[in-house]
Amino acid sequence: MSSGQLAQLLPLVLIIGVFWLFILRPARKRQRDAMALQRGLEVGSRVMLTSGVYGTVLAVEDDTLQLEVATGVALTVDRHAVARVVATDTAADGDDPTEPPARTHDEDV
């Protein structure tokens, strides 16, 4: 291979390397983190679904969860619908994530 041909391939190799570094690698990490989160779900965990629905896990099955979204209201959802586990100490502070944020006077203007 001549040096001219190598010089033509170098930008292509650099583009592929940058693509892998900034796109593929972080996407794989997010996917691994999401899978670990979904595998680690336990009864009693407070979770948020990808749709924004909050609830408490009542039962964990193979691919589904029983999720209590209100007193006496349970949903069966796919395990992959869980976006994140909500910290339980947040709800203890009086900050209920299911409640919309309070409006301030500045927002009314």
PDB file of N, CA and C in Angstrom:
ATOM      1  N   MET A   1       0.848  -1.161   0.000  1.00  0.00           N
ATOM      2  CA  MET A   1       0.000   0.000   0.000  1.00  0.00           C
ATOM      3  C   MET A   1       0.901   1.234   0.000  1.00  0.00           C
ATOM      4  N   SER A   2       0.646   2.136  -0.888  1.00  0.00           N
ATOM      5  CA  SER A   2       1.482   3.337  -0.988  1.00  0.00           C
ATOM      6  C   SER A   2       1.048   4.365   0.060  1.00  0.00           C
ATOM      7  N   SER A   3       1.906   5.353   0.279  1.00  0.00           N
ATOM      8  CA  SER A   3       1.608   6.372   1.285  1.00  0.00           C
ATOM      9  C   SER A   3       0.419   7.233   0.868  1.00  0.00           C
ATOM     10  N   GLY A   4       0.177   7.371  -0.432  1.00  0.00           N
ATOM     11  CA  GLY A   4      -0.980   8.127  -0.921  1.00  0.00           C
ATOM     12  C   GLY A   4      -2.284   7.438  -0.575  1.00  0.00           C
ATOM     13  N   GLN A   5      -2.310   6.123  -0.720  1.00  0.00           N
ATOM     14  CA  GLN A   5      -3.513   5.369  -0.380  1.00  0.00           C
ATOM     15  C   GLN A   5      -3.753   5.381   1.134  1.00  0.00           C
ATOM     16  N   LEU A   6      -2.679   5.290   1.890  1.00  0.00           N
ATOM     17  CA  LEU A   6      -2.783   5.335   3.346  1.00  0.00           C
ATOM     18  C   LEU A   6      -3.308   6.698   3.800  1.00  0.00           C
ATOM     19  N   ALA A   7      -2.861   7.758   3.171  1.00  0.00           N
ATOM     20  CA  ALA A   7      -3.321   9.109   3.507  1.00  0.00           C
ATOM     21  C   ALA A   7      -4.805   9.266   3.198  1.00  0.00           C
ATOM     22  N   GLN A   8      -5.298   8.566   2.185  1.00  0.00           N
ATOM     23  CA  GLN A   8      -6.723   8.648   1.860  1.00  0.00           C
ATOM     24  C   GLN A   8      -7.572   7.858   2.869  1.00  0.00           C
ATOM     25  N   LEU A   9      -7.036   6.784   3.412  1.00  0.00           N
ATOM     26  CA  LEU A   9      -7.767   5.970   4.387  1.00  0.00           C
ATOM     27  C   LEU A   9      -7.765   6.562   5.801  1.00  0.00           C
ATOM     28  N   LEU A  10      -6.762   7.353   6.117  1.00  0.00           N
ATOM     29  CA  LEU A  10      -6.622   7.897   7.461  1.00  0.00           C
ATOM     30  C   LEU A  10      -7.847   8.699   7.914  1.00  0.00           C
ATOM     31  N   PRO A  11      -8.405   9.610   7.109  1.00  0.00           N
ATOM     32  CA  PRO A  11      -9.610  10.333   7.570  1.00  0.00           C
ATOM     33  C   PRO A  11     -10.794   9.397   7.831  1.00  0.00           C
ATOM     34  N   LEU A  12     -10.961   8.374   7.010  1.00  0.00           N
ATOM     35  CA  LEU A  12     -12.045   7.419   7.207  1.00  0.00           C
ATOM     36  C   LEU A  12     -11.862   6.660   8.523  1.00  0.00           C
ATOM     37  N   VAL A  13     -10.657   6.234   8.803  1.00  0.00           N
ATOM     38  CA  VAL A  13     -10.369   5.531  10.050  1.00  0.00           C
ATOM     39  C   VAL A  13     -10.613   6.454  11.250  1.00  0.00           C
ATOM     40  N   LEU A  14     -10.222   7.715  11.130  1.00  0.00           N
ATOM     41  CA  LEU A  14     -10.448   8.672  12.215  1.00  0.00           C
ATOM     42  C   LEU A  14     -11.943   8.914  12.450  1.00  0.00           C
ATOM     43  N   ILE A  15     -12.724   9.009  11.388  1.00  0.00           N
ATOM     44  CA  ILE A  15     -14.166   9.218  11.515  1.00  0.00           C
ATOM     45  C   ILE A  15     -14.809   8.021  12.213  1.00  0.00           C
ATOM     46  N   ILE A  16     -14.417   6.824  11.829  1.00  0.00           N
ATOM     47  CA  ILE A  16     -14.952   5.617  12.450  1.00  0.00           C
ATOM     48  C   ILE A  16     -14.572   5.574  13.932  1.00  0.00           C
ATOM     49  N   GLY A  17     -13.342   5.938  14.246  1.00  0.00           N
ATOM     50  CA  GLY A  17     -12.889   5.953  15.640  1.00  0.00           C
ATOM     51  C   GLY A  17     -13.653   6.956  16.482  1.00  0.00           C
ATOM     52  N   VAL A  18     -13.865   8.136  15.952  1.00  0.00           N
ATOM     53  CA  VAL A  18     -14.605   9.175  16.683  1.00  0.00           C
ATOM     54  C   VAL A  18     -16.059   8.744  16.855  1.00  0.00           C
ATOM     55  N   PHE A  19     -16.660   8.164  15.821  1.00  0.00           N
ATOM     56  CA  PHE A  19     -18.036   7.669  15.897  1.00  0.00           C
ATOM     57  C   PHE A  19     -18.168   6.637  17.015  1.00  0.00           C
ATOM     58  N   TRP A  20     -17.247   5.710  17.072  1.00  0.00           N
ATOM     59  CA  TRP A  20     -17.277   4.686  18.119  1.00  0.00           C
ATOM     60  C   TRP A  20     -17.125   5.321  19.500  1.00  0.00           C
ATOM     61  N   LEU A  21     -16.181   6.260  19.624  1.00  0.00           N
ATOM     62  CA  LEU A  21     -15.879   6.863  20.912  1.00  0.00           C
ATOM     63  C   LEU A  21     -17.035   7.702  21.453  1.00  0.00           C
ATOM     64  N   PHE A  22     -17.693   8.470  20.595  1.00  0.00           N
ATOM     65  CA  PHE A  22     -18.715   9.400  21.071  1.00  0.00           C
ATOM     66  C   PHE A  22     -20.152   8.912  20.902  1.00  0.00           C
ATOM     67  N   ILE A  23     -20.390   7.905  20.091  1.00  0.00           N
ATOM     68  CA  ILE A  23     -21.758   7.442  19.856  1.00  0.00           C
ATOM     69  C   ILE A  23     -21.977   6.025  20.396  1.00  0.00           C
ATOM     70  N   LEU A  24     -21.245   5.062  19.892  1.00  0.00           N
ATOM     71  CA  LEU A  24     -21.494   3.660  20.224  1.00  0.00           C
ATOM     72  C   LEU A  24     -21.148   3.306  21.661  1.00  0.00           C
ATOM     73  N   ARG A  25     -20.013   3.758  22.132  1.00  0.00           N
ATOM     74  CA  ARG A  25     -19.582   3.416  23.478  1.00  0.00           C
ATOM     75  C   ARG A  25     -20.525   3.941  24.559  1.00  0.00           C
ATOM     76  N   PRO A  26     -20.928   5.225  24.519  1.00  0.00           N
ATOM     77  CA  PRO A  26     -21.883   5.709  25.525  1.00  0.00           C
ATOM     78  C   PRO A  26     -23.254   5.031  25.424  1.00  0.00           C
ATOM     79  N   ALA A  27     -23.692   4.700  24.207  1.00  0.00           N
ATOM     80  CA  ALA A  27     -24.989   4.028  24.042  1.00  0.00           C
ATOM     81  C   ALA A  27     -24.956   2.640  24.678  1.00  0.00           C
ATOM     82  N   ARG A  28     -23.870   1.931  24.515  1.00  0.00           N
ATOM     83  CA  ARG A  28     -23.733   0.604  25.142  1.00  0.00           C
ATOM     84  C   ARG A  28     -23.734   0.714  26.661  1.00  0.00           C
ATOM     85  N   LYS A  29     -23.067   1.744  27.179  1.00  0.00           N
ATOM     86  CA  LYS A  29     -23.024   1.943  28.627  1.00  0.00           C
ATOM     87  C   LYS A  29     -24.426   2.231  29.167  1.00  0.00           C
ATOM     88  N   ARG A  30     -25.190   3.093  28.481  1.00  0.00           N
ATOM     89  CA  ARG A  30     -26.561   3.379  28.907  1.00  0.00           C
ATOM     90  C   ARG A  30     -27.422   2.114  28.869  1.00  0.00           C
ATOM     91  N   GLN A  31     -27.232   1.300  27.839  1.00  0.00           N
ATOM     92  CA  GLN A  31     -28.002   0.069  27.719  1.00  0.00           C
ATOM     93  C   GLN A  31     -27.660  -0.908  28.852  1.00  0.00           C
ATOM     94  N   ARG A  32     -26.373  -1.045  29.171  1.00  0.00           N
ATOM     95  CA  ARG A  32     -25.968  -1.920  30.274  1.00  0.00           C
ATOM     96  C   ARG A  32     -26.515  -1.418  31.604  1.00  0.00           C
ATOM     97  N   ASP A  33     -26.479  -0.100  31.817  1.00  0.00           N
ATOM     98  CA  ASP A  33     -26.997   0.476  33.055  1.00  0.00           C
ATOM     99  C   ASP A  33     -28.505   0.240  33.180  1.00  0.00           C
ATOM    100  N   ALA A  34     -29.244   0.411  32.086  1.00  0.00           N
ATOM    101  CA  ALA A  34     -30.689   0.195  32.103  1.00  0.00           C
ATOM    102  C   ALA A  34     -31.012  -1.263  32.395  1.00  0.00           C
ATOM    103  N   MET A  35     -30.270  -2.189  31.807  1.00  0.00           N
ATOM    104  CA  MET A  35     -30.503  -3.607  32.052  1.00  0.00           C
ATOM    105  C   MET A  35     -30.218  -3.962  33.509  1.00  0.00           C
ATOM    106  N   ALA A  36     -29.154  -3.398  34.076  1.00  0.00           N
ATOM    107  CA  ALA A  36     -28.821  -3.659  35.476  1.00  0.00           C
ATOM    108  C   ALA A  36     -29.911  -3.103  36.394  1.00  0.00           C
ATOM    109  N   LEU A  37     -30.427  -1.926  36.084  1.00  0.00           N
ATOM    110  CA  LEU A  37     -31.493  -1.325  36.867  1.00  0.00           C
ATOM    111  C   LEU A  37     -32.741  -2.203  36.821  1.00  0.00           C
ATOM    112  N   GLN A  38     -33.111  -2.680  35.649  1.00  0.00           N
ATOM    113  CA  GLN A  38     -34.318  -3.486  35.493  1.00  0.00           C
ATOM    114  C   GLN A  38     -34.175  -4.866  36.131  1.00  0.00           C
ATOM    115  N   ARG A  39     -32.977  -5.422  36.119  1.00  0.00           N
ATOM    116  CA  ARG A  39     -32.748  -6.714  36.780  1.00  0.00           C
ATOM    117  C   ARG A  39     -32.779  -6.574  38.293  1.00  0.00           C
ATOM    118  N   GLY A  40     -32.407  -5.416  38.808  1.00  0.00           N
ATOM    119  CA  GLY A  40     -32.304  -5.214  40.247  1.00  0.00           C
ATOM    120  C   GLY A  40     -33.577  -4.732  40.916  1.00  0.00           C
ATOM    121  N   LEU A  41     -34.698  -4.712  40.198  1.00  0.00           N
ATOM    122  CA  LEU A  41     -35.949  -4.240  40.791  1.00  0.00           C
ATOM    123  C   LEU A  41     -36.431  -5.194  41.875  1.00  0.00           C
ATOM    124  N   GLU A  42     -36.916  -4.618  42.958  1.00  0.00           N
ATOM    125  CA  GLU A  42     -37.402  -5.404  44.085  1.00  0.00           C
ATOM    126  C   GLU A  42     -38.782  -4.912  44.493  1.00  0.00           C
ATOM    127  N   VAL A  43     -39.518  -5.760  45.170  1.00  0.00           N
ATOM    128  CA  VAL A  43     -40.817  -5.371  45.705  1.00  0.00           C
ATOM    129  C   VAL A  43     -40.600  -4.218  46.682  1.00  0.00           C
ATOM    130  N   GLY A  44     -41.420  -3.185  46.554  1.00  0.00           N
ATOM    131  CA  GLY A  44     -41.311  -2.017  47.426  1.00  0.00           C
ATOM    132  C   GLY A  44     -40.522  -0.873  46.815  1.00  0.00           C
ATOM    133  N   SER A  45     -39.847  -1.112  45.700  1.00  0.00           N
ATOM    134  CA  SER A  45     -39.089  -0.046  45.039  1.00  0.00           C
ATOM    135  C   SER A  45     -40.055   0.964  44.431  1.00  0.00           C
ATOM    136  N   ARG A  46     -39.735   2.227  44.565  1.00  0.00           N
ATOM    137  CA  ARG A  46     -40.516   3.298  43.933  1.00  0.00           C
ATOM    138  C   ARG A  46     -39.843   3.579  42.600  1.00  0.00           C
ATOM    139  N   VAL A  47     -40.608   3.495  41.500  1.00  0.00           N
ATOM    140  CA  VAL A  47     -40.031   3.620  40.164  1.00  0.00           C
ATOM    141  C   VAL A  47     -40.795   4.627  39.325  1.00  0.00           C
ATOM    142  N   MET A  48     -40.147   5.090  38.273  1.00  0.00           N
ATOM    143  CA  MET A  48     -40.786   5.917  37.262  1.00  0.00           C
ATOM    144  C   MET A  48     -40.682   5.181  35.940  1.00  0.00           C
ATOM    145  N   LEU A  49     -41.803   5.073  35.235  1.00  0.00           N
ATOM    146  CA  LEU A  49     -41.812   4.426  33.929  1.00  0.00           C
ATOM    147  C   LEU A  49     -41.371   5.407  32.857  1.00  0.00           C
ATOM    148  N   THR A  50     -41.063   4.899  31.685  1.00  0.00           N
ATOM    149  CA  THR A  50     -40.638   5.766  30.580  1.00  0.00           C
ATOM    150  C   THR A  50     -41.735   6.732  30.176  1.00  0.00           C
ATOM    151  N   SER A  51     -42.982   6.418  30.506  1.00  0.00           N
ATOM    152  CA  SER A  51     -44.104   7.304  30.189  1.00  0.00           C
ATOM    153  C   SER A  51     -44.279   8.406  31.230  1.00  0.00           C
ATOM    154  N   GLY A  52     -43.531   8.329  32.322  1.00  0.00           N
ATOM    155  CA  GLY A  52     -43.621   9.338  33.368  1.00  0.00           C
ATOM    156  C   GLY A  52     -44.525   8.938  34.520  1.00  0.00           C
ATOM    157  N   VAL A  53     -45.071   7.743  34.489  1.00  0.00           N
ATOM    158  CA  VAL A  53     -45.947   7.261  35.556  1.00  0.00           C
ATOM    159  C   VAL A  53     -45.082   6.772  36.721  1.00  0.00           C
ATOM    160  N   TYR A  54     -45.436   7.219  37.945  1.00  0.00           N
ATOM    161  CA  TYR A  54     -44.730   6.790  39.144  1.00  0.00           C
ATOM    162  C   TYR A  54     -45.540   5.708  39.843  1.00  0.00           C
ATOM    163  N   GLY A  55     -44.855   4.791  40.496  1.00  0.00           N
ATOM    164  CA  GLY A  55     -45.551   3.761  41.242  1.00  0.00           C
ATOM    165  C   GLY A  55     -44.597   2.966  42.112  1.00  0.00           C
ATOM    166  N   THR A  56     -45.177   2.058  42.886  1.00  0.00           N
ATOM    167  CA  THR A  56     -44.417   1.191  43.783  1.00  0.00           C
ATOM    168  C   THR A  56     -44.576  -0.243  43.303  1.00  0.00           C
ATOM    169  N   VAL A  57     -43.460  -0.965  43.232  1.00  0.00           N
ATOM    170  CA  VAL A  57     -43.476  -2.341  42.751  1.00  0.00           C
ATOM    171  C   VAL A  57     -44.144  -3.228  43.792  1.00  0.00           C
ATOM    172  N   LEU A  58     -45.202  -3.939  43.362  1.00  0.00           N
ATOM    173  CA  LEU A  58     -45.900  -4.878  44.239  1.00  0.00           C
ATOM    174  C   LEU A  58     -45.415  -6.302  44.043  1.00  0.00           C
ATOM    175  N   ALA A  59     -45.116  -6.663  42.776  1.00  0.00           N
ATOM    176  CA  ALA A  59     -44.673  -8.027  42.468  1.00  0.00           C
ATOM    177  C   ALA A  59     -43.763  -7.972  41.246  1.00  0.00           C
ATOM    178  N   VAL A  60     -42.769  -8.837  41.239  1.00  0.00           N
ATOM    179  CA  VAL A  60     -41.829  -8.934  40.126  1.00  0.00           C
ATOM    180  C   VAL A  60     -41.963 -10.318  39.521  1.00  0.00           C
ATOM    181  N   GLU A  61     -42.260 -10.348  38.217  1.00  0.00           N
ATOM    182  CA  GLU A  61     -42.332 -11.611  37.497  1.00  0.00           C
ATOM    183  C   GLU A  61     -41.208 -11.621  36.460  1.00  0.00           C
ATOM    184  N   ASP A  62     -41.211 -12.610  35.566  1.00  0.00           N
ATOM    185  CA  ASP A  62     -40.126 -12.711  34.593  1.00  0.00           C
ATOM    186  C   ASP A  62     -39.969 -11.442  33.757  1.00  0.00           C
ATOM    187  N   ASP A  63     -40.999 -11.095  32.997  1.00  0.00           N
ATOM    188  CA  ASP A  63     -40.921  -9.944  32.099  1.00  0.00           C
ATOM    189  C   ASP A  63     -41.845  -8.805  32.486  1.00  0.00           C
ATOM    190  N   THR A  64     -42.627  -8.980  33.537  1.00  0.00           N
ATOM    191  CA  THR A  64     -43.594  -7.958  33.922  1.00  0.00           C
ATOM    192  C   THR A  64     -43.476  -7.605  35.394  1.00  0.00           C
ATOM    193  N   LEU A  65     -44.072  -6.478  35.738  1.00  0.00           N
ATOM    194  CA  LEU A  65     -44.138  -6.012  37.124  1.00  0.00           C
ATOM    195  C   LEU A  65     -45.578  -5.660  37.451  1.00  0.00           C
ATOM    196  N   GLN A  66     -45.958  -5.855  38.692  1.00  0.00           N
ATOM    197  CA  GLN A  66     -47.217  -5.313  39.197  1.00  0.00           C
ATOM    198  C   GLN A  66     -46.838  -4.015  39.893  1.00  0.00           C
ATOM    199  N   LEU A  67     -47.426  -2.926  39.435  1.00  0.00           N
ATOM    200  CA  LEU A  67     -47.060  -1.611  39.917  1.00  0.00           C
ATOM    201  C   LEU A  67     -48.283  -0.919  40.506  1.00  0.00           C
ATOM    202  N   GLU A  68     -48.196  -0.501  41.773  1.00  0.00           N
ATOM    203  CA  GLU A  68     -49.284   0.249  42.394  1.00  0.00           C
ATOM    204  C   GLU A  68     -49.062   1.725  42.103  1.00  0.00           C
ATOM    205  N   VAL A  69     -49.995   2.338  41.371  1.00  0.00           N
ATOM    206  CA  VAL A  69     -49.860   3.742  40.997  1.00  0.00           C
ATOM    207  C   VAL A  69     -50.701   4.655  41.879  1.00  0.00           C
ATOM    208  N   ALA A  70     -51.695   4.095  42.536  1.00  0.00           N
ATOM    209  CA  ALA A  70     -52.518   4.809  43.512  1.00  0.00           C
ATOM    210  C   ALA A  70     -53.031   3.752  44.486  1.00  0.00           C
ATOM    211  N   THR A  71     -53.585   4.190  45.588  1.00  0.00           N
ATOM    212  CA  THR A  71     -54.090   3.237  46.570  1.00  0.00           C
ATOM    213  C   THR A  71     -55.161   2.361  45.933  1.00  0.00           C
ATOM    214  N   GLY A  72     -54.876   1.063  45.890  1.00  0.00           N
ATOM    215  CA  GLY A  72     -55.821   0.112  45.329  1.00  0.00           C
ATOM    216  C   GLY A  72     -55.813   0.013  43.814  1.00  0.00           C
ATOM    217  N   VAL A  73     -54.931   0.731  43.139  1.00  0.00           N
ATOM    218  CA  VAL A  73     -54.859   0.694  41.672  1.00  0.00           C
ATOM    219  C   VAL A  73     -53.513   0.103  41.263  1.00  0.00           C
ATOM    220  N   ALA A  74     -53.565  -1.068  40.624  1.00  0.00           N
ATOM    221  CA  ALA A  74     -52.332  -1.744  40.209  1.00  0.00           C
ATOM    222  C   ALA A  74     -52.322  -1.909  38.697  1.00  0.00           C
ATOM    223  N   LEU A  75     -51.152  -1.741  38.122  1.00  0.00           N
ATOM    224  CA  LEU A  75     -50.951  -1.926  36.690  1.00  0.00           C
ATOM    225  C   LEU A  75     -49.975  -3.063  36.474  1.00  0.00           C
ATOM    226  N   THR A  76     -50.158  -3.783  35.389  1.00  0.00           N
ATOM    227  CA  THR A  76     -49.163  -4.751  34.959  1.00  0.00           C
ATOM    228  C   THR A  76     -48.385  -4.088  33.841  1.00  0.00           C
ATOM    229  N   VAL A  77     -47.085  -3.943  34.034  1.00  0.00           N
ATOM    230  CA  VAL A  77     -46.249  -3.258  33.039  1.00  0.00           C
ATOM    231  C   VAL A  77     -45.063  -4.137  32.671  1.00  0.00           C
ATOM    232  N   ASP A  78     -44.530  -3.904  31.509  1.00  0.00           N
ATOM    233  CA  ASP A  78     -43.332  -4.597  31.071  1.00  0.00           C
ATOM    234  C   ASP A  78     -42.145  -4.093  31.878  1.00  0.00           C
ATOM    235  N   ARG A  79     -41.265  -4.971  32.228  1.00  0.00           N
ATOM    236  CA  ARG A  79     -40.091  -4.620  33.020  1.00  0.00           C
ATOM    237  C   ARG A  79     -39.234  -3.560  32.321  1.00  0.00           C
ATOM    238  N   HIS A  80     -39.216  -3.611  30.993  1.00  0.00           N
ATOM    239  CA  HIS A  80     -38.398  -2.666  30.223  1.00  0.00           C
ATOM    240  C   HIS A  80     -38.967  -1.253  30.210  1.00  0.00           C
ATOM    241  N   ALA A  81     -40.177  -1.072  30.731  1.00  0.00           N
ATOM    242  CA  ALA A  81     -40.783   0.254  30.782  1.00  0.00           C
ATOM    243  C   ALA A  81     -40.253   1.091  31.942  1.00  0.00           C
ATOM    244  N   VAL A  82     -39.503   0.490  32.840  1.00  0.00           N
ATOM    245  CA  VAL A  82     -38.961   1.225  33.993  1.00  0.00           C
ATOM    246  C   VAL A  82     -37.780   2.072  33.535  1.00  0.00           C
ATOM    247  N   ALA A  83     -37.903   3.375  33.750  1.00  0.00           N
ATOM    248  CA  ALA A  83     -36.839   4.294  33.360  1.00  0.00           C
ATOM    249  C   ALA A  83     -35.833   4.502  34.489  1.00  0.00           C
ATOM    250  N   ARG A  84     -36.346   4.619  35.720  1.00  0.00           N
ATOM    251  CA  ARG A  84     -35.435   4.829  36.844  1.00  0.00           C
ATOM    252  C   ARG A  84     -36.104   4.473  38.153  1.00  0.00           C
ATOM    253  N   VAL A  85     -35.278   4.245  39.150  1.00  0.00           N
ATOM    254  CA  VAL A  85     -35.759   4.015  40.506  1.00  0.00           C
ATOM    255  C   VAL A  85     -35.702   5.362  41.207  1.00  0.00           C
ATOM    256  N   VAL A  86     -36.801   5.730  41.839  1.00  0.00           N
ATOM    257  CA  VAL A  86     -36.900   7.019  42.522  1.00  0.00           C
ATOM    258  C   VAL A  86     -36.409   6.832  43.942  1.00  0.00           C
ATOM    259  N   ALA A  87     -35.587   7.737  44.395  1.00  0.00           N
ATOM    260  CA  ALA A  87     -35.064   7.664  45.761  1.00  0.00           C
ATOM    261  C   ALA A  87     -36.207   7.788  46.750  1.00  0.00           C
ATOM    262  N   THR A  88     -36.235   6.909  47.723  1.00  0.00           N
ATOM    263  CA  THR A  88     -37.314   6.926  48.705  1.00  0.00           C
ATOM    264  C   THR A  88     -37.192   8.096  49.661  1.00  0.00           C
ATOM    265  N   ASP A  89     -35.991   8.631  49.862  1.00  0.00           N
ATOM    266  CA  ASP A  89     -35.835   9.767  50.772  1.00  0.00           C
ATOM    267  C   ASP A  89     -36.415  11.038  50.174  1.00  0.00           C
ATOM    268  N   THR A  90     -36.604  11.099  48.850  1.00  0.00           N
ATOM    269  CA  THR A  90     -37.227  12.256  48.213  1.00  0.00           C
ATOM    270  C   THR A  90     -38.671  12.383  48.667  1.00  0.00           C
ATOM    271  N   ALA A  91     -39.388  11.255  48.701  1.00  0.00           N
ATOM    272  CA  ALA A  91     -40.784  11.271  49.136  1.00  0.00           C
ATOM    273  C   ALA A  91     -40.880  11.578  50.626  1.00  0.00           C
ATOM    274  N   ALA A  92     -39.895  11.210  51.411  1.00  0.00           N
ATOM    275  CA  ALA A  92     -39.912  11.468  52.852  1.00  0.00           C
ATOM    276  C   ALA A  92     -39.755  12.951  53.158  1.00  0.00           C
ATOM    277  N   ASP A  93     -39.131  13.712  52.254  1.00  0.00           N
ATOM    278  CA  ASP A  93     -38.941  15.142  52.463  1.00  0.00           C
ATOM    279  C   ASP A  93     -40.217  15.934  52.205  1.00  0.00           C
ATOM    280  N   GLY A  94     -41.303  15.256  51.837  1.00  0.00           N
ATOM    281  CA  GLY A  94     -42.530  15.971  51.523  1.00  0.00           C
ATOM    282  C   GLY A  94     -42.590  16.332  50.053  1.00  0.00           C
ATOM    283  N   ASP A  95     -41.580  16.002  49.298  1.00  0.00           N
ATOM    284  CA  ASP A  95     -41.534  16.258  47.868  1.00  0.00           C
ATOM    285  C   ASP A  95     -42.070  15.039  47.148  1.00  0.00           C
ATOM    286  N   ASP A  96     -43.347  14.986  46.910  1.00  0.00           N
ATOM    287  CA  ASP A  96     -43.940  13.835  46.217  1.00  0.00           C
ATOM    288  C   ASP A  96     -43.730  14.022  44.717  1.00  0.00           C
ATOM    289  N   PRO A  97     -42.978  13.123  44.075  1.00  0.00           N
ATOM    290  CA  PRO A  97     -42.700  13.299  42.650  1.00  0.00           C
ATOM    291  C   PRO A  97     -43.940  13.182  41.778  1.00  0.00           C
ATOM    292  N   THR A  98     -45.034  12.675  42.315  1.00  0.00           N
ATOM    293  CA  THR A  98     -46.257  12.579  41.525  1.00  0.00           C
ATOM    294  C   THR A  98     -47.023  13.887  41.528  1.00  0.00           C
ATOM    295  N   GLU A  99     -46.699  14.777  42.456  1.00  0.00           N
ATOM    296  CA  GLU A  99     -47.360  16.070  42.538  1.00  0.00           C
ATOM    297  C   GLU A  99     -46.684  17.051  41.586  1.00  0.00           C
ATOM    298  N   PRO A 100     -47.467  17.878  40.868  1.00  0.00           N
ATOM    299  CA  PRO A 100     -46.845  18.899  40.026  1.00  0.00           C
ATOM    300  C   PRO A 100     -46.185  19.955  40.906  1.00  0.00           C
ATOM    301  N   PRO A 101     -45.133  20.600  40.421  1.00  0.00           N
ATOM    302  CA  PRO A 101     -44.465  21.611  41.233  1.00  0.00           C
ATOM    303  C   PRO A 101     -45.395  22.797  41.495  1.00  0.00           C
ATOM    304  N   ALA A 102     -45.249  23.369  42.671  1.00  0.00           N
ATOM    305  CA  ALA A 102     -46.077  24.516  43.031  1.00  0.00           C
ATOM    306  C   ALA A 102     -45.689  25.711  42.179  1.00  0.00           C
ATOM    307  N   ARG A 103     -46.685  26.473  41.769  1.00  0.00           N
ATOM    308  CA  ARG A 103     -46.430  27.668  40.956  1.00  0.00           C
ATOM    309  C   ARG A 103     -46.032  28.819  41.861  1.00  0.00           C
ATOM    310  N   THR A 104     -45.139  29.633  41.377  1.00  0.00           N
ATOM    311  CA  THR A 104     -44.728  30.817  42.136  1.00  0.00           C
ATOM    312  C   THR A 104     -45.407  32.023  41.530  1.00  0.00           C
ATOM    313  N   HIS A 105     -45.352  33.139  42.245  1.00  0.00           N
ATOM    314  CA  HIS A 105     -45.972  34.369  41.780  1.00  0.00           C
ATOM    315  C   HIS A 105     -45.341  34.841  40.461  1.00  0.00           C
ATOM    316  N   ASP A 106     -44.040  34.612  40.294  1.00  0.00           N
ATOM    317  CA  ASP A 106     -43.333  35.045  39.085  1.00  0.00           C
ATOM    318  C   ASP A 106     -43.879  34.354  37.837  1.00  0.00           C
ATOM    319  N   GLU A 107     -44.368  33.138  37.970  1.00  0.00           N
ATOM    320  CA  GLU A 107     -44.875  32.397  36.817  1.00  0.00           C
ATOM    321  C   GLU A 107     -46.231  32.913  36.370  1.00  0.00           C
ATOM    322  N   ASP A 108     -46.962  33.582  37.272  1.00  0.00           N
ATOM    323  CA  ASP A 108     -48.303  34.082  36.934  1.00  0.00           C
ATOM    324  C   ASP A 108     -48.235  35.336  36.083  1.00  0.00           C
ATOM    325  N   VAL A 109     -47.121  36.020  36.083  1.00  0.00           N
ATOM    326  CA  VAL A 109     -46.993  37.291  35.373  1.00  0.00           C
ATOM    327  C   VAL A 109     -46.830  37.089  33.917  1.00  0.00           C
TER     328      VAL A 109
END
